[in-house]
Amino acid sequence: MPTMGAQYNQLAVPPQAHAPARRAGLLPLAEALEIEASGDGAFTGMPHMGRPPRAFGGVTLAQALLAAGRTVDGGRRPHSLHAYFLRSVAPEAPVSYEVERLRDGSSYAARQVAARQDGMSVLSLSASFKKPENTLDRQAKMPGAPAPHDCDAPYEVMARERPERYAASVIPRVVDLRLVAPDADEEAARAEGMSRQRCWLRAARPLPDEPLLHAAALAYLSDLTLSPTAALPWEPHGARRTRPPAVMFASLDHAMWFHRPARADAWPLYAQHTTSLSDGRATTRGELWSQEGELVASALQEALIRHRAATT
């Protein structure tokens, strides 16, 4: 029997959602994503390093969604975003976010955000928000996976075996990541050059009970492993890599749909698969699932991808 939609008036805290990660030097993701108002519909935020020398695009994506949401009535939640990464972002300079109010209807609101650094456009984001409704609720079935604490923890290995790299990085200290060992289908897909992977990930420290912040944090998390999925046939996850990367990739765009409310600090499972690799571009889809089996968000990203040997 179909059930009614989840209640959106609060974010429930699942049992042990805030069990701390087992490493030192953790930073609050909420602070890393923080933006400050600088005028009517104007905000400023700081990026942080991704693949040197570029900042991580997930920061700009999340901060742009936060900026858009801060101009919307509190009763509306983000249900979709569409963004283009226009230029790489330097990690040491602030990014400004200017929000244009496109529509404020009775149920839906739409915003356009222009992100700039040093006067140059770096990201364009459109986001839509809506009032919650209780309605019929159906979804696909969640893929199976071992529990997070039974999976490989690459950031814990980095903290233990490469402490200098760990201390100099932000992402491994704001995110807890567990990589699920590939099953037979995933191994076969990688052998054919069409990657699949599953991972558990979350904010490493608890987040405030603010639905907009959790949506922005999910956007941040969704950008972390999506494009690298396409590179798995040629190189491991970046936290495991011990030599210079064999593949160059950069996100070109990012779309995301928020299906149900969810906490970004409660171990969502991220199932990802590359659907196309051609013309120097990879298209990868991802689905975020709560531990309770709810499909909470879907993501789709196109990325530039090139073998470094082909560019020399």
C-alpha atoms as a PDB file:
ATOM      1  CA  MET A   1       0.000   0.000   0.000  1.00  0.00           C
ATOM      2  CA  PRO A   2       1.312   3.503  -0.754  1.00  0.00           C
ATOM      3  CA  THR A   3       2.032   5.582   2.302  1.00  0.00           C
ATOM      4  CA  MET A   4       1.710   9.255   2.994  1.00  0.00           C
ATOM      5  CA  GLY A   5       4.720  11.518   2.663  1.00  0.00           C
ATOM      6  CA  ALA A   6       7.107  12.142   5.535  1.00  0.00           C
ATOM      7  CA  GLN A   7       6.492  15.081   7.836  1.00  0.00           C
ATOM      8  CA  TYR A   8       8.746  17.991   6.919  1.00  0.00           C
ATOM      9  CA  ASN A   9       8.403  20.089  10.044  1.00  0.00           C
ATOM     10  CA  GLN A  10      11.564  18.732  11.630  1.00  0.00           C
ATOM     11  CA  LEU A  11      14.557  16.535  10.995  1.00  0.00           C
ATOM     12  CA  ALA A  12      14.532  13.513  13.231  1.00  0.00           C
ATOM     13  CA  VAL A  13      17.862  12.454  14.691  1.00  0.00           C
ATOM     14  CA  PRO A  14      18.408   8.719  14.051  1.00  0.00           C
ATOM     15  CA  PRO A  15      20.015   6.630  16.804  1.00  0.00           C
ATOM     16  CA  GLN A  16      23.801   7.074  16.926  1.00  0.00           C
ATOM     17  CA  ALA A  17      23.637   9.582  14.072  1.00  0.00           C
ATOM     18  CA  HIS A  18      26.223  11.710  15.825  1.00  0.00           C
ATOM     19  CA  ALA A  19      28.676   9.023  16.900  1.00  0.00           C
ATOM     20  CA  PRO A  20      32.056  10.745  16.432  1.00  0.00           C
ATOM     21  CA  ALA A  21      34.588   9.699  13.835  1.00  0.00           C
ATOM     22  CA  ARG A  22      37.689   7.980  15.217  1.00  0.00           C
ATOM     23  CA  ARG A  23      40.300  10.579  14.349  1.00  0.00           C
ATOM     24  CA  ALA A  24      41.557  13.905  15.626  1.00  0.00           C
ATOM     25  CA  GLY A  25      41.492  17.351  14.068  1.00  0.00           C
ATOM     26  CA  LEU A  26      37.886  17.260  12.838  1.00  0.00           C
ATOM     27  CA  LEU A  27      36.271  20.525  11.745  1.00  0.00           C
ATOM     28  CA  PRO A  28      32.559  21.455  11.660  1.00  0.00           C
ATOM     29  CA  LEU A  29      31.189  21.307   8.118  1.00  0.00           C
ATOM     30  CA  ALA A  30      28.668  23.972   9.139  1.00  0.00           C
ATOM     31  CA  GLU A  31      31.517  26.435   9.680  1.00  0.00           C
ATOM     32  CA  ALA A  32      33.230  25.463   6.416  1.00  0.00           C
ATOM     33  CA  LEU A  33      30.016  26.273   4.518  1.00  0.00           C
ATOM     34  CA  GLU A  34      29.192  29.449   6.430  1.00  0.00           C
ATOM     35  CA  ILE A  35      28.199  32.542   4.442  1.00  0.00           C
ATOM     36  CA  GLU A  36      27.748  36.119   5.622  1.00  0.00           C
ATOM     37  CA  ALA A  37      25.149  38.585   4.380  1.00  0.00           C
ATOM     38  CA  SER A  38      26.747  41.566   2.653  1.00  0.00           C
ATOM     39  CA  GLY A  39      23.636  43.315   1.343  1.00  0.00           C
ATOM     40  CA  ASP A  40      20.122  42.634   0.069  1.00  0.00           C
ATOM     41  CA  GLY A  41      20.385  39.233  -1.597  1.00  0.00           C
ATOM     42  CA  ALA A  42      24.184  39.380  -1.391  1.00  0.00           C
ATOM     43  CA  PHE A  43      26.407  36.996   0.565  1.00  0.00           C
ATOM     44  CA  THR A  44      30.091  36.122   0.910  1.00  0.00           C
ATOM     45  CA  GLY A  45      31.725  32.789   1.697  1.00  0.00           C
ATOM     46  CA  MET A  46      35.198  31.252   1.780  1.00  0.00           C
ATOM     47  CA  PRO A  47      36.135  28.219  -0.332  1.00  0.00           C
ATOM     48  CA  HIS A  48      38.592  25.515   0.659  1.00  0.00           C
ATOM     49  CA  MET A  49      41.028  23.301  -1.190  1.00  0.00           C
ATOM     50  CA  GLY A  50      39.942  20.376  -3.333  1.00  0.00           C
ATOM     51  CA  ARG A  51      42.435  18.979  -5.842  1.00  0.00           C
ATOM     52  CA  PRO A  52      45.376  21.419  -5.688  1.00  0.00           C
ATOM     53  CA  PRO A  53      45.550  24.116  -6.817  1.00  0.00           C
ATOM     54  CA  ARG A  54      41.749  24.384  -7.140  1.00  0.00           C
ATOM     55  CA  ALA A  55      39.163  24.819  -4.430  1.00  0.00           C
ATOM     56  CA  PHE A  56      36.547  22.091  -4.049  1.00  0.00           C
ATOM     57  CA  GLY A  57      33.531  22.924  -6.211  1.00  0.00           C
ATOM     58  CA  GLY A  58      31.150  21.379  -3.695  1.00  0.00           C
ATOM     59  CA  VAL A  59      31.795  24.327  -1.372  1.00  0.00           C
ATOM     60  CA  THR A  60      30.652  26.857  -3.969  1.00  0.00           C
ATOM     61  CA  LEU A  61      27.660  24.683  -4.864  1.00  0.00           C
ATOM     62  CA  ALA A  62      26.566  24.384  -1.233  1.00  0.00           C
ATOM     63  CA  GLN A  63      27.151  28.046  -0.415  1.00  0.00           C
ATOM     64  CA  ALA A  64      25.167  29.142  -3.482  1.00  0.00           C
ATOM     65  CA  LEU A  65      22.240  26.982  -2.351  1.00  0.00           C
ATOM     66  CA  LEU A  66      22.503  28.457   1.144  1.00  0.00           C
ATOM     67  CA  ALA A  67      22.485  31.969  -0.307  1.00  0.00           C
ATOM     68  CA  ALA A  68      19.393  31.203  -2.384  1.00  0.00           C
ATOM     69  CA  GLY A  69      17.621  29.623   0.565  1.00  0.00           C
ATOM     70  CA  ARG A  70      18.338  32.553   2.872  1.00  0.00           C
ATOM     71  CA  THR A  71      16.124  34.738   0.620  1.00  0.00           C
ATOM     72  CA  VAL A  72      13.165  32.310   0.703  1.00  0.00           C
ATOM     73  CA  ASP A  73      10.406  32.100   3.309  1.00  0.00           C
ATOM     74  CA  GLY A  74      11.315  29.592   5.998  1.00  0.00           C
ATOM     75  CA  GLY A  75       8.405  27.283   5.193  1.00  0.00           C
ATOM     76  CA  ARG A  76       9.817  26.347   1.781  1.00  0.00           C
ATOM     77  CA  ARG A  77      12.510  23.715   1.288  1.00  0.00           C
ATOM     78  CA  PRO A  78      14.820  23.215  -1.709  1.00  0.00           C
ATOM     79  CA  HIS A  79      13.606  20.473  -4.028  1.00  0.00           C
ATOM     80  CA  SER A  80      16.000  20.936  -6.966  1.00  0.00           C
ATOM     81  CA  LEU A  81      19.089  22.763  -8.159  1.00  0.00           C
ATOM     82  CA  HIS A  82      20.912  23.064 -11.465  1.00  0.00           C
ATOM     83  CA  ALA A  83      24.398  24.545 -11.550  1.00  0.00           C
ATOM     84  CA  TYR A  84      27.224  25.218 -13.998  1.00  0.00           C
ATOM     85  CA  PHE A  85      30.825  25.366 -12.815  1.00  0.00           C
ATOM     86  CA  LEU A  86      32.191  28.177 -14.995  1.00  0.00           C
ATOM     87  CA  ARG A  87      35.758  28.636 -13.718  1.00  0.00           C
ATOM     88  CA  SER A  88      38.023  27.076 -11.150  1.00  0.00           C
ATOM     89  CA  VAL A  89      37.987  28.754  -7.745  1.00  0.00           C
ATOM     90  CA  ALA A  90      41.119  29.750  -5.841  1.00  0.00           C
ATOM     91  CA  PRO A  91      41.007  28.469  -2.248  1.00  0.00           C
ATOM     92  CA  GLU A  92      42.427  31.603  -0.618  1.00  0.00           C
ATOM     93  CA  ALA A  93      39.996  34.303  -1.852  1.00  0.00           C
ATOM     94  CA  PRO A  94      36.344  34.911  -0.883  1.00  0.00           C
ATOM     95  CA  VAL A  95      33.457  34.200  -3.242  1.00  0.00           C
ATOM     96  CA  SER A  96      30.499  36.568  -3.530  1.00  0.00           C
ATOM     97  CA  TYR A  97      26.961  35.312  -4.133  1.00  0.00           C
ATOM     98  CA  GLU A  98      24.275  37.528  -5.652  1.00  0.00           C
ATOM     99  CA  VAL A  99      20.723  36.162  -5.522  1.00  0.00           C
ATOM    100  CA  GLU A 100      18.037  37.105  -8.031  1.00  0.00           C
ATOM    101  CA  ARG A 101      14.441  36.462  -6.997  1.00  0.00           C
ATOM    102  CA  LEU A 102      12.845  34.894 -10.064  1.00  0.00           C
ATOM    103  CA  ARG A 103       9.503  33.883  -8.583  1.00  0.00           C
ATOM    104  CA  ASP A 104       7.613  33.728  -5.303  1.00  0.00           C
ATOM    105  CA  GLY A 105       4.395  31.784  -5.851  1.00  0.00           C
ATOM    106  CA  SER A 106       1.890  30.385  -3.394  1.00  0.00           C
ATOM    107  CA  SER A 107       3.730  27.039  -3.219  1.00  0.00           C
ATOM    108  CA  TYR A 108       6.981  27.408  -5.156  1.00  0.00           C
ATOM    109  CA  ALA A 109       9.817  29.927  -5.213  1.00  0.00           C
ATOM    110  CA  ALA A 110      12.714  30.145  -7.675  1.00  0.00           C
ATOM    111  CA  ARG A 111      16.106  31.788  -7.321  1.00  0.00           C
ATOM    112  CA  GLN A 112      19.109  32.415  -9.569  1.00  0.00           C
ATOM    113  CA  VAL A 113      22.543  32.787  -7.971  1.00  0.00           C
ATOM    114  CA  ALA A 114      25.655  34.267  -9.574  1.00  0.00           C
ATOM    115  CA  ALA A 115      28.895  33.363  -7.783  1.00  0.00           C
ATOM    116  CA  ARG A 116      31.970  35.495  -8.472  1.00  0.00           C
ATOM    117  CA  GLN A 117      35.560  35.569  -7.310  1.00  0.00           C
ATOM    118  CA  ASP A 118      37.716  38.619  -8.017  1.00  0.00           C
ATOM    119  CA  GLY A 119      34.953  39.885 -10.303  1.00  0.00           C
ATOM    120  CA  MET A 120      34.928  36.728 -12.461  1.00  0.00           C
ATOM    121  CA  SER A 121      31.914  34.400 -12.716  1.00  0.00           C
ATOM    122  CA  VAL A 122      32.717  30.997 -11.214  1.00  0.00           C
ATOM    123  CA  LEU A 123      29.299  29.355 -10.813  1.00  0.00           C
ATOM    124  CA  SER A 124      25.718  29.885 -11.933  1.00  0.00           C
ATOM    125  CA  LEU A 125      22.992  28.143  -9.942  1.00  0.00           C
ATOM    126  CA  SER A 126      19.230  27.934 -10.284  1.00  0.00           C
ATOM    127  CA  ALA A 127      17.291  26.531  -7.344  1.00  0.00           C
ATOM    128  CA  SER A 128      13.626  25.896  -6.686  1.00  0.00           C
ATOM    129  CA  PHE A 129      11.929  25.732  -3.298  1.00  0.00           C
ATOM    130  CA  LYS A 130       8.473  24.554  -2.290  1.00  0.00           C
ATOM    131  CA  LYS A 131       6.128  24.177   0.641  1.00  0.00           C
ATOM    132  CA  PRO A 132       5.923  20.600   1.953  1.00  0.00           C
ATOM    133  CA  GLU A 133       2.944  18.450   1.050  1.00  0.00           C
ATOM    134  CA  ASN A 134       1.659  15.196   2.500  1.00  0.00           C
ATOM    135  CA  THR A 135       0.894  13.001  -0.492  1.00  0.00           C
ATOM    136  CA  LEU A 136       1.439   9.513  -1.891  1.00  0.00           C
ATOM    137  CA  ASP A 137       4.997   8.328  -1.335  1.00  0.00           C
ATOM    138  CA  ARG A 138       6.714   5.708  -3.506  1.00  0.00           C
ATOM    139  CA  GLN A 139      10.332   5.020  -4.394  1.00  0.00           C
ATOM    140  CA  ALA A 140      12.825   2.524  -5.749  1.00  0.00           C
ATOM    141  CA  LYS A 141      14.443  -0.059  -3.497  1.00  0.00           C
ATOM    142  CA  MET A 142      17.634   0.832  -1.657  1.00  0.00           C
ATOM    143  CA  PRO A 143      20.737  -1.114  -2.749  1.00  0.00           C
ATOM    144  CA  GLY A 144      22.348  -3.321  -0.164  1.00  0.00           C
ATOM    145  CA  ALA A 145      25.611  -2.434   1.564  1.00  0.00           C
ATOM    146  CA  PRO A 146      27.555  -3.401   4.696  1.00  0.00           C
ATOM    147  CA  ALA A 147      27.187  -1.058   7.658  1.00  0.00           C
ATOM    148  CA  PRO A 148      29.404   2.063   7.549  1.00  0.00           C
ATOM    149  CA  HIS A 149      31.687   0.865  10.321  1.00  0.00           C
ATOM    150  CA  ASP A 150      32.313  -2.384   8.437  1.00  0.00           C
ATOM    151  CA  CYS A 151      33.698  -0.508   5.415  1.00  0.00           C
ATOM    152  CA  ASP A 152      37.080   0.947   4.494  1.00  0.00           C
ATOM    153  CA  ALA A 153      37.750   4.366   6.081  1.00  0.00           C
ATOM    154  CA  PRO A 154      40.262   6.120   3.771  1.00  0.00           C
ATOM    155  CA  TYR A 155      40.394   9.371   5.732  1.00  0.00           C
ATOM    156  CA  GLU A 156      41.274   7.511   8.919  1.00  0.00           C
ATOM    157  CA  VAL A 157      44.089   5.777   7.041  1.00  0.00           C
ATOM    158  CA  MET A 158      45.237   9.158   5.717  1.00  0.00           C
ATOM    159  CA  ALA A 159      45.228  10.659   9.214  1.00  0.00           C
ATOM    160  CA  ARG A 160      47.321   7.754  10.510  1.00  0.00           C
ATOM    161  CA  GLU A 161      49.729   7.149   7.618  1.00  0.00           C
ATOM    162  CA  ARG A 162      49.966  10.575   5.950  1.00  0.00           C
ATOM    163  CA  PRO A 163      49.348  13.030   8.805  1.00  0.00           C
ATOM    164  CA  GLU A 164      50.919  16.018   7.021  1.00  0.00           C
ATOM    165  CA  ARG A 165      48.584  15.667   4.042  1.00  0.00           C
ATOM    166  CA  TYR A 166      45.644  15.111   6.376  1.00  0.00           C
ATOM    167  CA  ALA A 167      46.430  18.185   8.498  1.00  0.00           C
ATOM    168  CA  ALA A 168      46.784  20.361   5.392  1.00  0.00           C
ATOM    169  CA  SER A 169      43.415  19.256   3.990  1.00  0.00           C
ATOM    170  CA  VAL A 170      39.909  20.402   4.877  1.00  0.00           C
ATOM    171  CA  ILE A 171      37.691  17.795   3.206  1.00  0.00           C
ATOM    172  CA  PRO A 172      39.029  14.789   5.194  1.00  0.00           C
ATOM    173  CA  ARG A 173      38.424  16.727   8.413  1.00  0.00           C
ATOM    174  CA  VAL A 174      34.839  17.828   7.695  1.00  0.00           C
ATOM    175  CA  VAL A 175      33.643  14.584   6.052  1.00  0.00           C
ATOM    176  CA  ASP A 176      33.540  10.995   7.264  1.00  0.00           C
ATOM    177  CA  LEU A 177      33.759   8.627   4.284  1.00  0.00           C
ATOM    178  CA  ARG A 178      33.443   4.841   4.105  1.00  0.00           C
ATOM    179  CA  LEU A 179      34.039   3.060   0.803  1.00  0.00           C
ATOM    180  CA  VAL A 180      31.975  -0.069   0.182  1.00  0.00           C
ATOM    181  CA  ALA A 181      34.006  -2.909  -1.321  1.00  0.00           C
ATOM    182  CA  PRO A 182      32.866  -3.445  -4.930  1.00  0.00           C
ATOM    183  CA  ASP A 183      30.557  -6.374  -5.571  1.00  0.00           C
ATOM    184  CA  ALA A 184      30.681  -8.570  -8.680  1.00  0.00           C
ATOM    185  CA  ASP A 185      28.510  -6.211 -10.740  1.00  0.00           C
ATOM    186  CA  GLU A 186      30.646  -3.213  -9.797  1.00  0.00           C
ATOM    187  CA  GLU A 187      33.862  -5.080 -10.588  1.00  0.00           C
ATOM    188  CA  ALA A 188      32.471  -6.061 -13.998  1.00  0.00           C
ATOM    189  CA  ALA A 189      31.393  -2.486 -14.714  1.00  0.00           C
ATOM    190  CA  ARG A 190      34.855  -1.156 -13.857  1.00  0.00           C
ATOM    191  CA  ALA A 191      36.479  -3.775 -16.083  1.00  0.00           C
ATOM    192  CA  GLU A 192      34.371  -2.413 -18.948  1.00  0.00           C
ATOM    193  CA  GLY A 193      35.302   1.184 -18.107  1.00  0.00           C
ATOM    194  CA  MET A 194      31.806   2.085 -16.852  1.00  0.00           C
ATOM    195  CA  SER A 195      32.207   2.543 -13.131  1.00  0.00           C
ATOM    196  CA  ARG A 196      29.855   1.920 -10.258  1.00  0.00           C
ATOM    197  CA  GLN A 197      30.547   2.504  -6.589  1.00  0.00           C
ATOM    198  CA  ARG A 198      28.800   2.784  -3.255  1.00  0.00           C
ATOM    199  CA  CYS A 199      29.987   4.722  -0.249  1.00  0.00           C
ATOM    200  CA  TRP A 200      28.685   5.961   3.067  1.00  0.00           C
ATOM    201  CA  LEU A 201      29.441   9.580   3.855  1.00  0.00           C
ATOM    202  CA  ARG A 202      28.392  12.261   6.317  1.00  0.00           C
ATOM    203  CA  ALA A 203      29.425  15.451   8.023  1.00  0.00           C
ATOM    204  CA  ALA A 204      32.090  14.324  10.478  1.00  0.00           C
ATOM    205  CA  ARG A 205      30.697  16.500  13.263  1.00  0.00           C
ATOM    206  CA  PRO A 206      27.023  17.095  14.125  1.00  0.00           C
ATOM    207  CA  LEU A 207      25.131  19.745  12.194  1.00  0.00           C
ATOM    208  CA  PRO A 208      22.506  22.102  13.650  1.00  0.00           C
ATOM    209  CA  ASP A 209      18.877  21.114  13.094  1.00  0.00           C
ATOM    210  CA  GLU A 210      18.441  23.476  10.117  1.00  0.00           C
ATOM    211  CA  PRO A 211      16.882  21.770   7.066  1.00  0.00           C
ATOM    212  CA  LEU A 212      18.428  24.237   4.585  1.00  0.00           C
ATOM    213  CA  LEU A 213      21.900  23.586   6.000  1.00  0.00           C
ATOM    214  CA  HIS A 214      21.408  19.820   5.723  1.00  0.00           C
ATOM    215  CA  ALA A 215      20.306  20.201   2.088  1.00  0.00           C
ATOM    216  CA  ALA A 216      23.394  22.318   1.360  1.00  0.00           C
ATOM    217  CA  ALA A 217      25.600  19.778   3.136  1.00  0.00           C
ATOM    218  CA  LEU A 218      24.076  16.980   1.042  1.00  0.00           C
ATOM    219  CA  ALA A 219      24.900  19.007  -2.072  1.00  0.00           C
ATOM    220  CA  TYR A 220      28.488  19.331  -0.813  1.00  0.00           C
ATOM    221  CA  LEU A 221      28.706  15.591  -0.154  1.00  0.00           C
ATOM    222  CA  SER A 222      27.126  14.715  -3.501  1.00  0.00           C
ATOM    223  CA  ASP A 223      29.949  16.463  -5.378  1.00  0.00           C
ATOM    224  CA  LEU A 224      32.723  14.691  -3.490  1.00  0.00           C
ATOM    225  CA  THR A 225      32.796  11.282  -5.197  1.00  0.00           C
ATOM    226  CA  LEU A 226      30.476  11.639  -8.206  1.00  0.00           C
ATOM    227  CA  SER A 227      32.933  12.610 -10.956  1.00  0.00           C
ATOM    228  CA  PRO A 228      35.791  10.519  -9.497  1.00  0.00           C
ATOM    229  CA  THR A 229      33.539   7.480  -9.972  1.00  0.00           C
ATOM    230  CA  ALA A 230      34.190   7.722 -13.714  1.00  0.00           C
ATOM    231  CA  ALA A 231      37.959   7.530 -13.126  1.00  0.00           C
ATOM    232  CA  LEU A 232      37.909   4.358 -10.991  1.00  0.00           C
ATOM    233  CA  PRO A 233      38.948   2.021 -13.840  1.00  0.00           C
ATOM    234  CA  TRP A 234      42.249   3.952 -14.019  1.00  0.00           C
ATOM    235  CA  GLU A 235      42.948   5.191 -10.496  1.00  0.00           C
ATOM    236  CA  PRO A 236      41.727   4.677  -6.925  1.00  0.00           C
ATOM    237  CA  HIS A 237      39.928   7.161  -4.722  1.00  0.00           C
ATOM    238  CA  GLY A 238      42.082  10.234  -4.071  1.00  0.00           C
ATOM    239  CA  ALA A 239      42.543   9.422  -0.383  1.00  0.00           C
ATOM    240  CA  ARG A 240      44.124   6.101  -1.381  1.00  0.00           C
ATOM    241  CA  ARG A 241      46.321   7.462  -4.160  1.00  0.00           C
ATOM    242  CA  THR A 242      50.078   7.346  -3.557  1.00  0.00           C
ATOM    243  CA  ARG A 243      51.261   8.693  -6.937  1.00  0.00           C
ATOM    244  CA  PRO A 244      50.287  11.630  -9.168  1.00  0.00           C
ATOM    245  CA  PRO A 245      46.799  11.178 -10.660  1.00  0.00           C
ATOM    246  CA  ALA A 246      46.607   9.452 -14.039  1.00  0.00           C
ATOM    247  CA  VAL A 247      43.309  11.129 -14.892  1.00  0.00           C
ATOM    248  CA  MET A 248      42.414  14.804 -14.936  1.00  0.00           C
ATOM    249  CA  PHE A 249      38.786  15.662 -14.280  1.00  0.00           C
ATOM    250  CA  ALA A 250      36.758  18.739 -13.412  1.00  0.00           C
ATOM    251  CA  SER A 251      33.033  19.111 -12.818  1.00  0.00           C
ATOM    252  CA  LEU A 252      31.197  20.944 -15.595  1.00  0.00           C
ATOM    253  CA  ASP A 253      27.684  20.983 -14.171  1.00  0.00           C
ATOM    254  CA  HIS A 254      25.640  19.504 -11.352  1.00  0.00           C
ATOM    255  CA  ALA A 255      21.931  18.822 -10.934  1.00  0.00           C
ATOM    256  CA  MET A 256      20.272  17.613  -7.761  1.00  0.00           C
ATOM    257  CA  TRP A 257      16.770  16.738  -6.607  1.00  0.00           C
ATOM    258  CA  PHE A 258      15.837  16.578  -2.930  1.00  0.00           C
ATOM    259  CA  HIS A 259      13.094  13.978  -2.569  1.00  0.00           C
ATOM    260  CA  ARG A 260      12.713  13.716   1.187  1.00  0.00           C
ATOM    261  CA  PRO A 261      14.141  15.505   4.235  1.00  0.00           C
ATOM    262  CA  ALA A 262      17.374  14.004   5.514  1.00  0.00           C
ATOM    263  CA  ARG A 263      20.271  14.662   7.816  1.00  0.00           C
ATOM    264  CA  ALA A 264      23.705  15.036   6.256  1.00  0.00           C
ATOM    265  CA  ASP A 265      25.349  13.870   9.496  1.00  0.00           C
ATOM    266  CA  ALA A 266      23.540  10.507   9.664  1.00  0.00           C
ATOM    267  CA  TRP A 267      25.415   8.294   7.173  1.00  0.00           C
ATOM    268  CA  PRO A 268      23.513   8.446   3.873  1.00  0.00           C
ATOM    269  CA  LEU A 269      24.506   5.743   1.392  1.00  0.00           C
ATOM    270  CA  TYR A 270      25.639   7.133  -1.968  1.00  0.00           C
ATOM    271  CA  ALA A 271      25.169   4.752  -4.922  1.00  0.00           C
ATOM    272  CA  GLN A 272      26.816   6.086  -8.093  1.00  0.00           C
ATOM    273  CA  HIS A 273      27.250   4.871 -11.650  1.00  0.00           C
ATOM    274  CA  THR A 274      28.774   6.346 -14.784  1.00  0.00           C
ATOM    275  CA  THR A 275      26.373   6.132 -17.724  1.00  0.00           C
ATOM    276  CA  SER A 276      28.475   7.662 -20.514  1.00  0.00           C
ATOM    277  CA  LEU A 277      32.131   8.370 -21.210  1.00  0.00           C
ATOM    278  CA  SER A 278      32.910  10.086 -24.527  1.00  0.00           C
ATOM    279  CA  ASP A 279      34.261  13.273 -26.086  1.00  0.00           C
ATOM    280  CA  GLY A 280      36.344  13.997 -22.989  1.00  0.00           C
ATOM    281  CA  ARG A 281      33.208  14.037 -20.827  1.00  0.00           C
ATOM    282  CA  ALA A 282      31.785  11.646 -18.240  1.00  0.00           C
ATOM    283  CA  THR A 283      28.173  11.588 -17.062  1.00  0.00           C
ATOM    284  CA  THR A 284      27.558  10.049 -13.649  1.00  0.00           C
ATOM    285  CA  ARG A 285      24.360   9.571 -11.652  1.00  0.00           C
ATOM    286  CA  GLY A 286      24.063   9.212  -7.909  1.00  0.00           C
ATOM    287  CA  GLU A 287      21.364   8.354  -5.390  1.00  0.00           C
ATOM    288  CA  LEU A 288      21.529   9.201  -1.694  1.00  0.00           C
ATOM    289  CA  TRP A 289      19.699   6.871   0.689  1.00  0.00           C
ATOM    290  CA  SER A 290      19.057   7.164   4.407  1.00  0.00           C
ATOM    291  CA  GLN A 291      19.972   4.216   6.610  1.00  0.00           C
ATOM    292  CA  GLU A 292      16.237   3.679   7.045  1.00  0.00           C
ATOM    293  CA  GLY A 293      15.946   2.977   3.307  1.00  0.00           C
ATOM    294  CA  GLU A 294      14.485   6.275   2.091  1.00  0.00           C
ATOM    295  CA  LEU A 295      15.657   7.728  -1.217  1.00  0.00           C
ATOM    296  CA  VAL A 296      16.453  11.247  -0.018  1.00  0.00           C
ATOM    297  CA  ALA A 297      18.169  12.815  -3.048  1.00  0.00           C
ATOM    298  CA  SER A 298      19.387  12.167  -6.596  1.00  0.00           C
ATOM    299  CA  ALA A 299      22.297  13.839  -8.388  1.00  0.00           C
ATOM    300  CA  LEU A 300      23.540  13.996 -11.964  1.00  0.00           C
ATOM    301  CA  GLN A 301      26.857  15.455 -13.048  1.00  0.00           C
ATOM    302  CA  GLU A 302      28.860  15.887 -16.231  1.00  0.00           C
ATOM    303  CA  ALA A 303      32.609  16.278 -15.879  1.00  0.00           C
ATOM    304  CA  LEU A 304      35.600  16.867 -18.085  1.00  0.00           C
ATOM    305  CA  ILE A 305      37.804  13.774 -17.970  1.00  0.00           C
ATOM    306  CA  ARG A 306      41.138  13.217 -19.712  1.00  0.00           C
ATOM    307  CA  HIS A 307      44.083  10.904 -19.316  1.00  0.00           C
ATOM    308  CA  ARG A 308      47.032  13.087 -18.399  1.00  0.00           C
ATOM    309  CA  ALA A 309      49.284  11.317 -20.909  1.00  0.00           C
ATOM    310  CA  ALA A 310      46.953  12.475 -23.685  1.00  0.00           C
ATOM    311  CA  THR A 311      47.403  16.139 -22.731  1.00  0.00           C
ATOM    312  CA  THR A 312      51.228  16.229 -22.877  1.00  0.00           C
END
